[in-house]
C-alpha atoms as a PDB file:
ATOM      1  CA  MET A   1      75.592 -18.366 -41.908  1.00  0.00           C
ATOM      2  CA  SER A   2      77.344 -21.690 -42.039  1.00  0.00           C
ATOM      3  CA  ILE A   3      76.052 -24.798 -40.342  1.00  0.00           C
ATOM      4  CA  ILE A   4      78.410 -25.105 -37.494  1.00  0.00           C
ATOM      5  CA  CYS A   5      77.479 -21.336 -36.295  1.00  0.00           C
ATOM      6  CA  VAL A   6      73.793 -22.488 -36.604  1.00  0.00           C
ATOM      7  CA  LYS A   7      74.471 -25.669 -34.418  1.00  0.00           C
ATOM      8  CA  ILE A   8      76.673 -23.451 -32.031  1.00  0.00           C
ATOM      9  CA  ILE A   9      74.094 -20.669 -31.270  1.00  0.00           C
ATOM     10  CA  THR A  10      71.144 -23.672 -30.952  1.00  0.00           C
ATOM     11  CA  VAL A  11      73.511 -25.511 -28.377  1.00  0.00           C
ATOM     12  CA  ILE A  12      73.916 -22.300 -26.778  1.00  0.00           C
ATOM     13  CA  GLN A  13      70.270 -21.251 -26.732  1.00  0.00           C
ATOM     14  CA  ASN A  14      69.696 -25.159 -25.374  1.00  0.00           C
ATOM     15  CA  ALA A  15      72.054 -24.539 -22.567  1.00  0.00           C
ATOM     16  CA  MET A  16      70.615 -21.208 -21.926  1.00  0.00           C
ATOM     17  CA  ILE A  17      66.854 -22.742 -21.531  1.00  0.00           C
ATOM     18  CA  THR A  18      68.339 -25.523 -19.162  1.00  0.00           C
ATOM     19  CA  SER A  19      70.300 -22.555 -17.191  1.00  0.00           C
ATOM     20  CA  THR A  20      66.770 -20.956 -17.050  1.00  0.00           C
ATOM     21  CA  LEU A  21      64.974 -23.989 -15.862  1.00  0.00           C
ATOM     22  CA  ALA A  22      67.068 -24.920 -13.190  1.00  0.00           C
ATOM     23  CA  THR A  23      67.184 -21.001 -12.206  1.00  0.00           C
ATOM     24  CA  ALA A  24      63.200 -20.893 -12.486  1.00  0.00           C
ATOM     25  CA  ALA A  25      63.050 -24.171 -10.289  1.00  0.00           C
ATOM     26  CA  LEU A  26      64.338 -22.230  -7.752  1.00  0.00           C
ATOM     27  CA  ASN A  27      62.664 -19.000  -8.044  1.00  0.00           C
ATOM     28  CA  PRO A  28      59.526 -19.322 -10.608  1.00  0.00           C
ATOM     29  CA  ALA A  29      59.374 -15.375 -11.105  1.00  0.00           C
ATOM     30  CA  MET A  30      62.730 -16.051 -12.896  1.00  0.00           C
ATOM     31  CA  MET A  31      61.288 -18.217 -15.740  1.00  0.00           C
ATOM     32  CA  LEU A  32      61.917 -16.945 -19.344  1.00  0.00           C
ATOM     33  CA  LEU A  33      59.921 -18.502 -22.279  1.00  0.00           C
ATOM     34  CA  PRO A  34      62.199 -19.897 -25.153  1.00  0.00           C
ATOM     35  CA  THR A  35      60.936 -16.960 -27.309  1.00  0.00           C
ATOM     36  CA  GLN A  36      61.698 -14.268 -24.878  1.00  0.00           C
ATOM     37  CA  LEU A  37      65.435 -15.746 -24.623  1.00  0.00           C
ATOM     38  CA  LEU A  38      65.648 -15.572 -28.683  1.00  0.00           C
ATOM     39  CA  THR A  39      65.009 -11.760 -28.560  1.00  0.00           C
ATOM     40  CA  LEU A  40      67.591 -11.010 -25.817  1.00  0.00           C
ATOM     41  CA  PRO A  41      69.624  -8.179 -26.804  1.00  0.00           C
ATOM     42  CA  SER A  42      72.932  -9.231 -28.317  1.00  0.00           C
ATOM     43  CA  ALA A  43      76.119  -8.150 -26.790  1.00  0.00           C
ATOM     44  CA  LYS A  44      76.623  -6.590 -30.498  1.00  0.00           C
ATOM     45  CA  LYS A  45      73.996  -4.186 -30.622  1.00  0.00           C
ATOM     46  CA  GLU A  46      74.378  -0.616 -30.997  1.00  0.00           C
ATOM     47  CA  SER A  47      74.999   1.100 -27.987  1.00  0.00           C
ATOM     48  CA  SER A  48      72.041   4.059 -27.041  1.00  0.00           C
ATOM     49  CA  ARG A  49      73.507   7.442 -28.119  1.00  0.00           C
ATOM     50  CA  LEU A  50      73.904   7.978 -23.903  1.00  0.00           C
ATOM     51  CA  GLU A  51      76.456   5.709 -23.480  1.00  0.00           C
ATOM     52  CA  PRO A  52      79.260   7.753 -24.574  1.00  0.00           C
ATOM     53  CA  VAL A  53      78.184  10.449 -22.176  1.00  0.00           C
ATOM     54  CA  LYS A  54      77.524   7.900 -19.235  1.00  0.00           C
ATOM     55  CA  ARG A  55      81.120   6.766 -20.106  1.00  0.00           C
ATOM     56  CA  TRP A  56      82.371  10.249 -19.839  1.00  0.00           C
ATOM     57  CA  ARG A  57      80.685  10.928 -16.465  1.00  0.00           C
ATOM     58  CA  MET A  58      82.233   7.593 -14.969  1.00  0.00           C
ATOM     59  CA  ALA A  59      85.441   8.672 -15.895  1.00  0.00           C
ATOM     60  CA  HIS A  60      85.713  12.398 -15.020  1.00  0.00           C
ATOM     61  CA  PRO A  61      83.177  12.242 -11.965  1.00  0.00           C
ATOM     62  CA  GLU A  62      84.661  15.717 -10.568  1.00  0.00           C
ATOM     63  CA  LEU A  63      84.659  17.875 -13.867  1.00  0.00           C
ATOM     64  CA  PHE A  64      80.994  16.443 -14.209  1.00  0.00           C
ATOM     65  CA  GLU A  65      79.842  17.545 -10.967  1.00  0.00           C
ATOM     66  CA  GLN A  66      81.647  21.198 -11.287  1.00  0.00           C
ATOM     67  CA  ARG A  67      79.883  21.651 -14.737  1.00  0.00           C
ATOM     68  CA  ARG A  68      76.364  20.180 -13.343  1.00  0.00           C
ATOM     69  CA  ILE A  69      76.753  22.894 -10.621  1.00  0.00           C
ATOM     70  CA  GLU A  70      77.532  25.594 -13.140  1.00  0.00           C
ATOM     71  CA  GLY A  71      74.529  24.744 -15.300  1.00  0.00           C
ATOM     72  CA  MET A  72      72.261  24.994 -12.417  1.00  0.00           C
ATOM     73  CA  LYS A  73      73.595  28.528 -11.280  1.00  0.00           C
ATOM     74  CA  LYS A  74      73.116  29.854 -14.793  1.00  0.00           C
ATOM     75  CA  SER A  75      69.530  28.334 -15.078  1.00  0.00           C
ATOM     76  CA  ASP A  76      67.058  30.318 -15.255  1.00  0.00           C
ATOM     77  CA  LEU A  77      64.507  27.278 -14.689  1.00  0.00           C
ATOM     78  CA  VAL A  78      66.402  26.796 -10.804  1.00  0.00           C
ATOM     79  CA  ARG A  79      66.522  30.386 -10.342  1.00  0.00           C
ATOM     80  CA  GLU A  80      62.744  30.448 -10.802  1.00  0.00           C
ATOM     81  CA  ASN A  81      62.000  27.675  -8.713  1.00  0.00           C
ATOM     82  CA  LEU A  82      64.321  28.446  -5.927  1.00  0.00           C
ATOM     83  CA  MET A  83      62.431  31.868  -5.763  1.00  0.00           C
ATOM     84  CA  ARG A  84      59.085  30.370  -5.923  1.00  0.00           C
ATOM     85  CA  LEU A  85      60.194  28.172  -3.146  1.00  0.00           C
ATOM     86  CA  HIS A  86      61.566  30.912  -1.118  1.00  0.00           C
ATOM     87  CA  ARG A  87      58.146  32.715  -1.416  1.00  0.00           C
ATOM     88  CA  GLU A  88      55.928  29.650  -0.190  1.00  0.00           C
ATOM     89  CA  LYS A  89      57.967  29.134   2.641  1.00  0.00           C
ATOM     90  CA  LYS A  90      59.036  32.850   3.602  1.00  0.00           C
ATOM     91  CA  ALA A  91      55.441  33.462   5.449  1.00  0.00           C
ATOM     92  CA  GLU A  92      55.517  29.912   7.404  1.00  0.00           C
ATOM     93  CA  TRP A  93      59.475  31.516   8.437  1.00  0.00           C
ATOM     94  CA  HIS A  94      58.071  34.609   9.577  1.00  0.00           C
ATOM     95  CA  LYS A  95      55.137  32.476  11.663  1.00  0.00           C
ATOM     96  CA  SER A  96      57.739  30.646  13.315  1.00  0.00           C
ATOM     97  CA  ALA A  97      59.793  33.843  14.155  1.00  0.00           C
ATOM     98  CA  ARG A  98      56.938  35.216  15.709  1.00  0.00           C
ATOM     99  CA  LYS A  99      56.615  32.735  18.103  1.00  0.00           C
ATOM    100  CA  ASN A 100      60.481  32.630  19.004  1.00  0.00           C
ATOM    101  CA  PRO A 101      60.743  34.805  22.175  1.00  0.00           C
ATOM    102  CA  LYS A 102      64.256  35.193  20.909  1.00  0.00           C
ATOM    103  CA  LEU A 103      63.538  37.058  17.862  1.00  0.00           C
ATOM    104  CA  ARG A 104      60.550  38.939  19.550  1.00  0.00           C
ATOM    105  CA  ALA A 105      60.984  42.656  20.972  1.00  0.00           C
ATOM    106  CA  THR A 106      61.408  40.844  24.727  1.00  0.00           C
ATOM    107  CA  VAL A 107      64.152  40.944  27.131  1.00  0.00           C
ATOM    108  CA  GLU A 108      65.092  37.560  26.125  1.00  0.00           C
ATOM    109  CA  HIS A 109      66.102  38.817  22.600  1.00  0.00           C
ATOM    110  CA  ILE A 110      69.334  37.340  20.944  1.00  0.00           C
ATOM    111  CA  ALA A 111      70.565  40.926  20.311  1.00  0.00           C
ATOM    112  CA  ALA A 112      70.027  42.271  23.936  1.00  0.00           C
ATOM    113  CA  LYS A 113      72.479  43.393  26.219  1.00  0.00           C
ATOM    114  CA  GLU A 114      72.514  44.722  29.741  1.00  0.00           C
ATOM    115  CA  TRP A 115      72.222  48.279  29.886  1.00  0.00           C
ATOM    116  CA  SER A 116      72.995  50.407  33.209  1.00  0.00           C
ATOM    117  CA  LEU A 117      72.118  54.282  32.115  1.00  0.00           C
ATOM    118  CA  LYS A 118      71.959  57.261  34.332  1.00  0.00           C
ATOM    119  CA  ALA A 119      69.027  59.762  33.491  1.00  0.00           C
ATOM    120  CA  PRO A 120      69.335  63.569  33.772  1.00  0.00           C
ATOM    121  CA  SER A 121      67.451  63.675  36.888  1.00  0.00           C
ATOM    122  CA  GLY A 122      69.944  61.005  38.520  1.00  0.00           C
ATOM    123  CA  VAL A 123      67.859  57.965  38.438  1.00  0.00           C
ATOM    124  CA  VAL A 124      69.804  54.595  37.414  1.00  0.00           C
ATOM    125  CA  TYR A 125      67.657  52.452  35.221  1.00  0.00           C
ATOM    126  CA  ARG A 126      68.956  48.888  34.780  1.00  0.00           C
ATOM    127  CA  PHE A 127      67.430  47.213  31.857  1.00  0.00           C
ATOM    128  CA  ARG A 128      67.890  44.274  28.935  1.00  0.00           C
ATOM    129  CA  ASN A 129      66.714  45.551  25.612  1.00  0.00           C
ATOM    130  CA  LEU A 130      67.120  48.796  25.174  1.00  0.00           C
ATOM    131  CA  LYS A 131      64.413  49.103  22.261  1.00  0.00           C
ATOM    132  CA  GLN A 132      61.772  47.736  24.743  1.00  0.00           C
ATOM    133  CA  PHE A 133      62.994  50.163  27.506  1.00  0.00           C
ATOM    134  CA  LEU A 134      62.512  53.154  25.107  1.00  0.00           C
ATOM    135  CA  ARG A 135      58.980  51.623  23.854  1.00  0.00           C
ATOM    136  CA  GLY A 136      58.174  51.373  27.586  1.00  0.00           C
ATOM    137  CA  ASN A 137      59.514  54.806  28.935  1.00  0.00           C
ATOM    138  CA  ALA A 138      58.842  57.019  25.986  1.00  0.00           C
ATOM    139  CA  GLU A 139      57.886  59.972  28.577  1.00  0.00           C
ATOM    140  CA  LEU A 140      61.417  60.256  29.723  1.00  0.00           C
ATOM    141  CA  PHE A 141      62.570  61.995  26.333  1.00  0.00           C
ATOM    142  CA  ASP A 142      61.670  64.695  24.223  1.00  0.00           C
ATOM    143  CA  VAL A 143      58.692  63.870  21.674  1.00  0.00           C
ATOM    144  CA  GLU A 144      60.781  64.288  18.847  1.00  0.00           C
ATOM    145  CA  ASP A 145      63.282  61.808  19.953  1.00  0.00           C
ATOM    146  CA  VAL A 146      61.131  58.949  20.331  1.00  0.00           C
ATOM    147  CA  ILE A 147      59.422  59.025  16.761  1.00  0.00           C
ATOM    148  CA  TRP A 148      59.917  55.407  15.572  1.00  0.00           C
ATOM    149  CA  LYS A 149      61.332  55.080  11.888  1.00  0.00           C
ATOM    150  CA  GLU A 150      61.270  51.868   9.501  1.00  0.00           C
ATOM    151  CA  VAL A 151      63.844  50.929   7.796  1.00  0.00           C
ATOM    152  CA  PRO A 152      61.939  50.000   4.258  1.00  0.00           C
ATOM    153  CA  GLY A 153      61.835  46.238   3.770  1.00  0.00           C
ATOM    154  CA  ARG A 154      63.356  45.662   7.284  1.00  0.00           C
ATOM    155  CA  PRO A 155      60.687  46.500   9.827  1.00  0.00           C
ATOM    156  CA  SER A 156      62.577  44.993  12.871  1.00  0.00           C
ATOM    157  CA  GLN A 157      65.264  47.634  11.969  1.00  0.00           C
ATOM    158  CA  ALA A 158      63.168  50.444  13.112  1.00  0.00           C
ATOM    159  CA  TRP A 159      64.845  52.917  15.131  1.00  0.00           C
ATOM    160  CA  CYS A 160      64.640  56.594  16.859  1.00  0.00           C
ATOM    161  CA  ARG A 161      67.330  59.324  17.591  1.00  0.00           C
ATOM    162  CA  ALA A 162      66.962  58.222  21.353  1.00  0.00           C
ATOM    163  CA  PHE A 163      68.091  54.816  20.341  1.00  0.00           C
ATOM    164  CA  HIS A 164      70.972  55.881  18.388  1.00  0.00           C
ATOM    165  CA  GLY A 165      71.877  58.404  21.166  1.00  0.00           C
ATOM    166  CA  LEU A 166      71.649  55.908  23.967  1.00  0.00           C
ATOM    167  CA  SER A 167      73.120  52.965  22.081  1.00  0.00           C
ATOM    168  CA  ARG A 168      76.548  55.213  21.820  1.00  0.00           C
ATOM    169  CA  LEU A 169      76.889  55.471  25.342  1.00  0.00           C
ATOM    170  CA  ARG A 170      77.848  51.672  25.773  1.00  0.00           C
ATOM    171  CA  PRO A 171      81.312  51.612  26.598  1.00  0.00           C
ATOM    172  CA  SER A 172      81.846  48.998  23.349  1.00  0.00           C
ATOM    173  CA  CYS A 173      80.677  51.134  21.128  1.00  0.00           C
ATOM    174  CA  VAL A 174      83.188  52.204  18.640  1.00  0.00           C
ATOM    175  CA  LYS A 175      81.592  55.901  18.173  1.00  0.00           C
ATOM    176  CA  LEU A 176      81.277  56.000  21.986  1.00  0.00           C
ATOM    177  CA  LEU A 177      79.879  59.364  23.399  1.00  0.00           C
ATOM    178  CA  PRO A 178      80.589  60.616  27.117  1.00  0.00           C
ATOM    179  CA  ASP A 179      76.887  61.954  27.395  1.00  0.00           C
ATOM    180  CA  TRP A 180      73.635  62.153  25.069  1.00  0.00           C
ATOM    181  CA  LYS A 181      71.158  65.009  26.276  1.00  0.00           C
ATOM    182  CA  GLY A 182      71.902  64.273  30.009  1.00  0.00           C
ATOM    183  CA  TRP A 183      72.005  60.654  29.992  1.00  0.00           C
ATOM    184  CA  THR A 184      75.362  58.685  30.891  1.00  0.00           C
ATOM    185  CA  TRP A 185      76.584  55.294  31.090  1.00  0.00           C
ATOM    186  CA  SER A 186      76.329  54.487  35.013  1.00  0.00           C
ATOM    187  CA  GLU A 187      79.065  52.228  36.590  1.00  0.00           C
ATOM    188  CA  GLU A 188      76.605  51.818  39.570  1.00  0.00           C
END
């Protein structure tokens, strides 16, 4: 290295030390020792092997995001973690749902509708929530019509013959029946 280069480096280092001391006077935490100044990374130092990847990400953010999401969708590890989290939270969700009256077998259930049915005896029954009515008035129906059957894996979807028959009496039903075992829809 020539003497001129060494002098230029010395002048630059002295300027940096002076600048650092001035900065340190304002903020002592910014004080660097001269030996630390000598070991500062130079601009010519080889960049890390991740630098090209980082530059590509910055240049193509939409494509990077698309590939990142595709990778997560195909990842077995991500799938396992999501399934584990779902299993852990499922009991908590069920516990919360049992407390909510709109999700329980009550007149406040979110799927409950107003019903007006005329029994074969001529008595008109007005109620909200057909399943609750059937469970509370099973004596009005044949025994085999109120045997509740569970749908595997979906206990809230239990059904019986009376439920299917009476639900088809509702005028808004696609498969409308005029009557079911003497029961009819009542407009009264």
